[in-house]
Amino acid sequence: MCVQTRIRATTNPFAPSSLGAAILVATDHDRIHLKTTHHKYAKYLELTGQTAAAIRNFERADTYKSEVPRMLFDQNRMEDLEDYIMQGNDTELLKWWAGYCESLGQFEKVCFGEISFSLSFLI
């Protein structure tokens, strides 16, 4: 391996070791960039197919409300998306899921036990 290739390999910002080190540095010395670093790491994990780890990092970055549904929807993992939303008990995600199910005509999925939303698309 030539020197230039080694330099590129060690300075690749998306290399797992670089991202792990960045999270450690942000945790200890640069807390203002911690959420951004977790988000970038989650995007890397998503690209490498590590969905569970990506979800954890999106949650740490506090971008899970938009990123996790987008990621699972893009991967056509609707059952996993439904499970994630139902287990999380996040009212905002539950409302989004209710609207999505309603748009598909799946009205039975709009009521979630004790939580119930009005159907907004019915005429």
Foldseek 3Di string as FASTA:
>chain_A
DDPVVVVCVVPVCLDPVNLVVVLVCCVPPNVVCNLVSLQSNLVSCLVVPNLVSSLVSCVVSVNNLPPNVVSCVVVVNVVVLVVVLLVVPDPSSLVVVLQVCVVVVNNVSQDDVVDHDDRDPDD
